[in-house]
Protein backbone atom coordinates (compact mmCIF):
# COMPACT_ATOMS: atom_id res chain seq x y z
CA MET A 1 0.00 -0.03 -0.04
CA THR A 2 1.20 3.57 -0.78
CA GLU A 3 -0.45 6.42 0.81
CA THR A 4 -0.30 9.90 -0.44
CA SER A 5 -1.70 12.77 1.57
CA ILE A 6 -2.06 15.95 -0.42
CA VAL A 7 -1.59 19.05 1.68
CA ARG A 8 -0.87 21.67 -0.68
CA ARG A 9 -2.67 22.81 -3.61
CA GLY A 10 0.73 23.62 -5.26
CA TRP A 11 1.25 19.81 -5.73
CA PHE A 12 -0.71 20.05 -8.91
CA ILE A 13 1.02 23.21 -10.50
CA GLY A 14 3.10 20.94 -12.87
CA GLY A 15 0.00 18.84 -13.71
CA THR A 16 -2.21 22.09 -14.45
CA ILE A 17 0.51 23.52 -16.71
CA ALA A 18 0.83 20.21 -18.78
CA ALA A 19 -3.06 20.15 -19.17
CA LEU A 20 -3.06 23.39 -21.15
CA ALA A 21 -2.13 21.35 -24.15
CA ILE A 22 -5.30 19.20 -23.91
CA PRO A 23 -8.64 20.31 -25.67
CA CYS A 24 -10.86 22.29 -23.28
CA ILE A 25 -14.29 20.91 -22.36
CA ALA A 26 -15.81 23.01 -25.11
CA ASP A 27 -14.24 20.74 -27.59
CA ALA A 28 -15.78 17.58 -26.11
CA GLN A 29 -18.87 16.07 -27.52
CA GLU A 30 -21.72 14.94 -25.09
CA THR A 31 -24.05 12.26 -26.60
CA ASN A 32 -26.59 9.68 -25.36
CA TYR A 33 -24.91 6.44 -24.65
CA ASP A 34 -27.52 3.80 -23.62
CA LEU A 35 -27.20 0.20 -22.36
CA VAL A 36 -30.07 -2.18 -23.66
CA THR A 37 -30.66 -5.00 -21.21
CA ALA A 38 -33.33 -7.90 -21.10
CA LYS A 39 -35.08 -5.88 -18.31
CA GLY A 40 -34.92 -2.59 -20.03
CA THR A 41 -32.89 0.25 -21.23
CA ILE A 42 -30.46 2.08 -18.95
CA TYR A 43 -29.83 5.73 -20.00
CA GLY A 44 -26.37 7.28 -20.06
CA THR A 45 -24.14 9.93 -21.15
CA LEU A 46 -20.86 9.70 -23.11
CA LEU A 47 -18.58 12.72 -22.82
CA LEU A 48 -15.87 12.42 -25.55
CA PRO A 49 -13.05 14.86 -26.09
CA PRO A 50 -11.41 14.82 -29.54
CA GLY A 51 -8.99 11.85 -29.91
CA ALA A 52 -9.68 10.35 -26.54
CA LYS A 53 -8.36 6.75 -26.09
CA ARG A 54 -8.98 6.56 -22.49
CA ILE A 55 -12.36 6.27 -20.72
CA VAL A 56 -13.72 6.21 -17.37
CA LEU A 57 -17.08 4.58 -16.25
CA ILE A 58 -18.47 6.53 -13.27
CA VAL A 59 -20.54 4.51 -10.97
CA ALA A 60 -23.13 6.41 -8.72
CA GLY A 61 -23.60 6.13 -5.11
CA SER A 62 -26.68 4.90 -3.17
CA GLY A 63 -30.17 5.84 -3.30
CA PRO A 64 -32.01 7.94 -6.15
CA THR A 65 -28.64 9.48 -7.30
CA ASP A 66 -28.76 10.21 -11.07
CA ARG A 67 -25.84 10.29 -13.67
CA ASP A 68 -24.94 13.79 -12.84
CA GLY A 69 -24.57 13.05 -8.88
CA ASN A 70 -27.78 14.67 -7.89
CA ASN A 71 -30.83 13.26 -6.03
CA VAL A 72 -34.24 14.17 -4.91
CA LEU A 73 -33.28 13.89 -1.20
CA GLY A 74 -31.47 17.08 -1.13
CA VAL A 75 -28.18 16.56 -2.93
CA PHE A 76 -27.68 19.01 -5.92
CA ALA A 77 -23.86 19.20 -6.15
CA ALA A 78 -23.59 17.65 -9.81
CA SER A 79 -20.62 15.74 -8.66
CA TYR A 80 -20.47 13.27 -11.42
CA ARG A 81 -21.03 15.75 -14.17
CA ARG A 82 -18.42 17.85 -12.80
CA LEU A 83 -15.98 15.07 -12.62
CA ALA A 84 -16.71 14.11 -16.10
CA ASN A 85 -16.12 17.66 -17.33
CA ALA A 86 -12.85 17.83 -15.50
CA LEU A 87 -11.64 14.54 -17.03
CA ALA A 88 -12.59 15.84 -20.48
CA GLU A 89 -10.25 18.75 -19.93
CA ARG A 90 -7.50 16.28 -19.54
CA GLY A 91 -8.46 14.35 -22.76
CA ILE A 92 -10.28 11.44 -20.96
CA ALA A 93 -13.66 10.42 -22.05
CA SER A 94 -16.35 9.33 -19.62
CA VAL A 95 -19.61 7.40 -19.25
CA ARG A 96 -22.12 8.12 -16.50
CA TYR A 97 -25.54 6.66 -16.38
CA ASP A 98 -28.85 6.72 -14.45
CA LYS A 99 -29.01 3.60 -12.35
CA ARG A 100 -31.83 1.25 -12.85
CA ASP A 101 -35.16 2.72 -11.42
CA VAL A 102 -33.44 6.14 -11.29
CA ALA A 103 -34.26 9.27 -13.25
CA ALA A 104 -34.42 8.49 -17.11
CA SER A 105 -34.04 4.80 -16.24
CA SER A 106 -36.94 4.84 -13.73
CA ASN A 107 -38.74 2.42 -16.05
CA SER A 108 -36.00 0.16 -16.86
CA GLY A 109 -37.57 -2.55 -14.36
CA PRO A 110 -37.81 -4.62 -12.50
CA ALA A 111 -40.33 -3.10 -9.89
CA PRO A 112 -38.46 -1.36 -7.20
CA ILE A 113 -39.44 -4.12 -4.65
CA ASP A 114 -37.73 -6.58 -6.79
CA VAL A 115 -34.23 -4.71 -7.28
CA ARG A 116 -31.31 -6.44 -5.65
CA PHE A 117 -27.71 -5.23 -5.24
CA GLU A 118 -26.44 -7.89 -7.56
CA MET A 119 -28.43 -6.16 -10.45
CA TYR A 120 -26.58 -3.01 -10.05
CA VAL A 121 -23.15 -5.09 -10.31
CA ASP A 122 -24.56 -6.76 -13.43
CA ASP A 123 -25.30 -3.44 -15.00
CA ALA A 124 -22.00 -1.97 -14.30
CA ALA A 125 -20.31 -5.17 -15.79
CA ALA A 126 -22.57 -4.82 -18.79
CA TRP A 127 -21.56 -1.22 -19.36
CA LEU A 128 -17.89 -2.27 -19.22
CA ALA A 129 -18.47 -4.92 -21.86
CA LYS A 130 -20.24 -2.35 -24.01
CA MET A 131 -17.28 0.10 -23.71
CA ARG A 132 -14.85 -2.60 -24.40
CA ALA A 133 -16.70 -3.74 -27.48
CA ASP A 134 -16.99 0.04 -28.60
CA GLY A 135 -13.43 -0.20 -30.23
CA ARG A 136 -12.66 3.61 -29.94
CA PHE A 137 -11.03 3.14 -26.45
CA GLY A 138 -7.67 1.55 -25.72
CA ALA A 139 -8.05 1.87 -21.82
CA ILE A 140 -10.96 1.61 -19.51
CA ALA A 141 -11.09 2.66 -15.87
CA LEU A 142 -13.93 2.28 -13.46
CA ALA A 143 -14.45 5.00 -10.83
CA GLY A 144 -17.12 3.96 -8.23
CA HIS A 145 -18.41 6.56 -5.67
CA SER A 146 -19.63 5.63 -2.35
CA GLU A 147 -21.84 2.44 -2.77
CA GLY A 148 -20.73 2.57 -6.31
CA SER A 149 -17.25 1.73 -5.07
CA LEU A 150 -18.44 -1.70 -3.94
CA ILE A 151 -20.65 -2.20 -7.07
CA GLY A 152 -17.60 -1.38 -9.23
CA MET A 153 -15.04 -3.60 -7.53
CA ILE A 154 -17.21 -6.65 -8.00
CA ALA A 155 -18.02 -5.61 -11.49
CA VAL A 156 -14.35 -5.46 -12.35
CA GLN A 157 -13.82 -8.87 -11.21
CA ARG A 158 -15.89 -9.93 -14.16
CA GLU A 159 -14.74 -7.54 -16.97
CA ARG A 160 -11.27 -6.44 -17.58
CA VAL A 161 -10.26 -2.88 -16.86
CA GLU A 162 -6.92 -1.02 -16.99
CA SER A 163 -7.60 0.51 -13.56
CA TYR A 164 -10.15 0.70 -10.70
CA VAL A 165 -10.70 3.75 -8.51
CA SER A 166 -12.58 3.69 -5.23
CA ILE A 167 -14.00 7.15 -4.41
CA SER A 168 -15.35 7.72 -0.90
CA GLY A 169 -15.96 3.94 -0.80
CA PRO A 170 -17.00 2.33 2.54
CA GLY A 171 -14.51 -0.16 4.00
CA PHE A 172 -16.81 -2.12 6.05
CA PRO A 173 -20.18 -3.95 5.40
CA ALA A 174 -23.09 -1.68 4.71
CA ASP A 175 -24.82 -2.52 8.11
CA GLN A 176 -21.96 -1.27 9.95
CA ILE A 177 -21.74 1.95 7.86
CA MET A 178 -25.43 2.54 8.64
CA ARG A 179 -25.08 2.10 12.36
CA ARG A 180 -22.12 4.45 12.40
CA GLN A 181 -23.70 7.08 10.20
CA LEU A 182 -27.04 6.90 12.20
CA ALA A 183 -25.74 6.87 15.71
CA PRO A 184 -25.13 10.55 15.99
CA GLN A 185 -28.48 11.49 14.68
CA LEU A 186 -30.32 9.10 17.01
CA ALA A 187 -28.04 9.69 20.13
CA ASP A 188 -30.83 11.71 21.82
CA LYS A 189 -33.69 9.56 20.63
CA PRO A 190 -33.36 6.28 22.61
CA ALA A 191 -36.54 4.77 21.19
CA LEU A 192 -35.63 5.39 17.65
CA ALA A 193 -32.11 4.14 18.31
CA GLU A 194 -33.46 0.96 19.81
CA ALA A 195 -35.89 0.47 16.62
CA ASN A 196 -32.86 1.10 14.26
CA THR A 197 -30.73 -1.53 16.05
CA ARG A 198 -33.69 -3.98 15.88
CA ILE A 199 -34.52 -3.37 12.21
CA LEU A 200 -30.80 -3.62 11.22
CA ASP A 201 -30.25 -6.84 13.22
CA ALA A 202 -33.21 -8.40 11.51
CA LEU A 203 -32.08 -7.41 8.01
CA LEU A 204 -28.63 -8.69 8.60
CA ARG A 205 -30.20 -12.08 9.51
CA GLY A 206 -32.10 -11.88 6.16
CA GLU A 207 -35.47 -11.29 7.84
CA THR A 208 -37.74 -8.50 6.87
CA ALA A 209 -38.42 -5.90 9.62
CA GLY A 210 -41.84 -5.05 10.60
CA ASP A 211 -43.02 -1.97 12.60
CA VAL A 212 -40.87 0.59 11.14
CA PRO A 213 -41.30 4.01 12.90
CA PRO A 214 -42.31 6.83 10.49
CA GLN A 215 -39.03 8.58 11.23
CA LEU A 216 -37.07 5.74 9.81
CA MET A 217 -39.48 4.81 6.91
CA SER A 218 -37.36 6.63 4.27
CA ILE A 219 -34.51 4.24 5.08
CA TYR A 220 -36.20 1.01 5.86
CA ASN A 221 -39.27 1.33 3.51
CA PRO A 222 -40.67 -2.38 3.27
CA ALA A 223 -40.08 -2.04 -0.47
CA ALA A 224 -36.47 -1.51 -0.09
CA GLN A 225 -35.76 -4.09 2.49
CA ALA A 226 -34.85 -6.96 0.15
CA TYR A 227 -32.41 -4.70 -1.52
CA ILE A 228 -30.83 -3.80 1.63
CA MET A 229 -30.43 -7.49 2.68
CA SER A 230 -28.71 -8.15 -0.59
CA TRP A 231 -26.32 -5.32 -0.10
CA PHE A 232 -25.47 -6.58 3.50
CA ARG A 233 -23.94 -9.78 2.11
CA TYR A 234 -20.83 -8.16 0.82
CA ASP A 235 -17.73 -6.95 2.71
CA PRO A 236 -15.80 -4.42 0.66
CA ARG A 237 -12.48 -5.54 2.18
CA VAL A 238 -13.13 -9.14 0.83
CA GLU A 239 -14.10 -7.90 -2.59
CA ILE A 240 -11.34 -5.42 -3.15
CA ALA A 241 -8.82 -8.16 -2.41
CA LYS A 242 -10.27 -9.95 -5.63
CA VAL A 243 -9.52 -7.09 -7.91
CA ARG A 244 -6.69 -7.82 -10.43
CA ALA A 245 -6.51 -4.36 -11.92
CA PRO A 246 -4.31 -1.42 -10.38
CA VAL A 247 -6.37 -0.03 -7.46
CA THR A 248 -6.52 3.72 -6.39
CA ILE A 249 -8.34 4.54 -3.29
CA VAL A 250 -9.36 8.19 -2.96
CA GLN A 251 -10.86 9.63 0.31
CA GLY A 252 -11.69 13.13 1.56
CA ALA A 253 -10.85 13.81 5.04
CA ASN A 254 -13.85 16.19 5.41
CA ASP A 255 -16.39 13.43 4.26
CA VAL A 256 -19.29 13.22 6.81
CA GLN A 257 -20.48 9.91 5.42
CA VAL A 258 -17.40 7.74 4.86
CA SER A 259 -14.38 8.10 6.89
CA VAL A 260 -10.63 8.06 6.34
CA ASP A 261 -10.63 4.65 8.35
CA ASP A 262 -12.73 3.22 5.76
CA ALA A 263 -10.24 3.96 2.95
CA ARG A 264 -7.44 2.64 5.18
CA ALA A 265 -9.30 -0.57 5.78
CA LEU A 266 -9.69 -1.03 1.80
CA ALA A 267 -5.97 -0.28 1.34
CA ALA A 268 -5.01 -2.70 4.04
CA ALA A 269 -7.06 -5.40 2.37
CA LYS A 270 -5.40 -4.63 -1.05
CA PRO A 271 -1.44 -4.74 -0.85
CA GLY A 272 -0.15 -2.37 -3.50
CA ALA A 273 -3.19 -0.13 -3.64
CA LYS A 274 -2.50 3.54 -3.90
CA LEU A 275 -4.20 5.45 -1.05
CA VAL A 276 -4.75 9.10 -1.49
CA ILE A 277 -6.16 11.27 1.49
CA VAL A 278 -7.46 14.57 0.50
CA PRO A 279 -7.68 16.91 3.39
CA HIS A 280 -10.82 19.17 2.52
CA MET A 281 -12.70 16.99 0.23
CA THR A 282 -16.25 16.12 1.14
CA HIS A 283 -18.55 13.24 0.10
CA VAL A 284 -19.69 15.35 -2.87
CA LEU A 285 -16.21 15.60 -4.16
CA SER A 286 -15.72 19.31 -3.67
CA ASP A 287 -13.76 20.98 -0.82
CA ASP A 288 -15.30 22.53 2.23
CA ASP A 289 -13.93 23.45 5.74
CA ALA A 290 -17.33 22.56 7.34
CA THR A 291 -17.02 19.17 9.02
CA THR A 292 -20.77 18.63 10.26
CA VAL A 293 -23.69 16.98 8.46
CA ALA A 294 -25.90 19.97 8.99
CA LEU A 295 -23.52 22.64 7.55
CA GLN A 296 -22.49 20.53 4.56
CA ALA A 297 -26.04 19.49 3.99
CA THR A 298 -27.26 23.09 3.49
CA GLY A 299 -23.98 24.25 1.84
CA VAL A 300 -21.63 22.16 -0.26
CA TYR A 301 -24.25 19.37 -0.97
CA ARG A 302 -26.60 21.95 -2.51
CA ASP A 303 -23.91 23.79 -4.57
CA PRO A 304 -23.24 22.67 -8.12
CA ASN A 305 -20.90 25.39 -8.88
CA ARG A 306 -18.04 24.58 -6.74
CA ALA A 307 -15.02 23.10 -8.52
CA ILE A 308 -14.28 19.53 -8.12
CA ASP A 309 -11.27 18.75 -6.04
CA PRO A 310 -8.25 18.69 -8.39
CA THR A 311 -6.51 15.85 -6.40
CA LEU A 312 -9.36 13.67 -7.10
CA VAL A 313 -9.37 14.34 -10.77
CA GLN A 314 -5.54 13.87 -11.00
CA SER A 315 -5.94 10.74 -8.99
CA VAL A 316 -8.43 9.22 -11.54
CA ALA A 317 -6.55 10.53 -14.60
CA SER A 318 -3.37 9.05 -13.33
CA SER A 319 -4.68 5.68 -12.43
CA PHE A 320 -4.26 4.43 -15.96
CA GLY A 321 -0.48 4.50 -15.33
C-alpha cells in the first residue's frame, strides 16, 4: 500500500501546466450512450473529447442518485457531471448513467421491490463490456463513488479494466456503515435508536423488519428491505482483495458519510493499492471546511458551482499509469 496525503494545492502546479495542451471541455462532444438489457434500457451519457483513447465509467452512489450526482433527497452538487467535465479537460472520455429505477432509467425494471444489489453489479459489468466492444478506447477505468465503489469492485472482477478507482468507498459491510452514520442522529432519541438496531439486526439475519417507525421509513421502507439485505451480504475488504487491476483509493478527510478509516481498511485489504487522502474533500467531491452533516447539507451538498477537487481528478486521470 502506498499512501499520499495531499496537503498543498501547489502539488498540482506541474499537472495544471501540462493540461493546457489538452482540448478544453468546449471541444468535447456529449451524446446519449445507452445500455439495452433484457429488463429494460439504462440511459447514460458519453462525454468524448477529440481523440480520446482513455475512458472512465463513473458508477453512482446509493439511493436515487442520478448520472450527474444529484438526487431528490437534497443533493444538488452535480458531482459526477463536474468530474466528467474535469476529466474531459485532460483528454479523458467518460460514461455516466442513471441507475436502474432512477431518473431516465426509472422504467428500466424490474419493480423497485424486486431490485437487488447484484442487479447493479450486473449493469456495471454490462457497461464495461459495451465500452470494451466500442473499439474507440484503448484503456478503460471504473471509478465507483460511495456505494458505487463496492458495485464497481465486484464488476471489475468480471470485466477487464486497466484501472479501478474507489472514491469515498466504505471499507466495512453496509450494516456497520449504517449504524455508524445513524448513531449521532439518534443519540438523543433512545426509542428510535433501539428501533434502528432492531431493524438492522433483522435485515442482517435476512429477515424483513416490521413495525418501522415513520421517522425511519425513508431508510427502511418495506419495498427497499430486500435490496438492503442483498447489499449486506458483501464485505468491501473481501471484494477489493479480488480485484486484479491496479487500484487507487481516494478519500476526503472532510467526508461526513465515509471516513478515512474506511479508506485505510480498503487499502490494508489490497496490498499495492495507492491510497490518497485529500484533506478538505467532502463526500460530494468538492472541498469545504465544514465538518458537520448540518453545515454541509445546507452548503456544499447543494452547490453545483464549486470546483471538483483537483487531487481527485488527478488521481483518476493518473490511475491508468
